[in-house]
Amino acid sequence: MKTVLKQLGIFSFAVSMMFGITYLLTGDRFMPFIPSEHFYAVAHTAEEQQRVSGHYVYETYAVNTAGKKQFLAFQTERPLPEGTYVKLYVKGNYIKLIQETTAESIPSTMRNSLH
C-alpha cells in the first residue's frame, strides 16, 4: 500500500511539474484548463497605432460574448482601416486568431458597448 501511495505521489508531482513548466515556457497558449473566448473590438484610428518590428500594434477595449470588457493588445501585418471591426479568439493572455468582421455580424448589445 505504501508503494502505491508513493508511486501516486511521484506521478502527481511529475504531472504538476509538466503543467508548471509548460505554463512558464508558453503562457496560457497550451494550457488545457484555460478556456478560449471570442472578443469583438474596433480598430483605433491611424494616429493611435504604433509600428513595432514589422507589425501594427493595436490596444483597445474588447467585449466578449458574455458582455465582459477587457483591455487587449493585438498585432497585424498590415494597417487596419479606421473603425474596422475585428473578432479576436483569445485563450488567457494569448490571442490565437484575428478576423476582420462586419458590424452586422456582431450582436447589437455587444456592438453598442464597443463605442
Foldseek 3Di string as FASTA:
>chain_A
DVVVVVVVVVVVVVVVVVLVVCCVVPNQPPDPVFDKWKKKAWFAAPVQWDQDPQWIKGWAWIATPVGDIDIAIDIDNDDDHGGWMWMFTDTDNDTDDIGTDDLVVDPPVRSVVRD
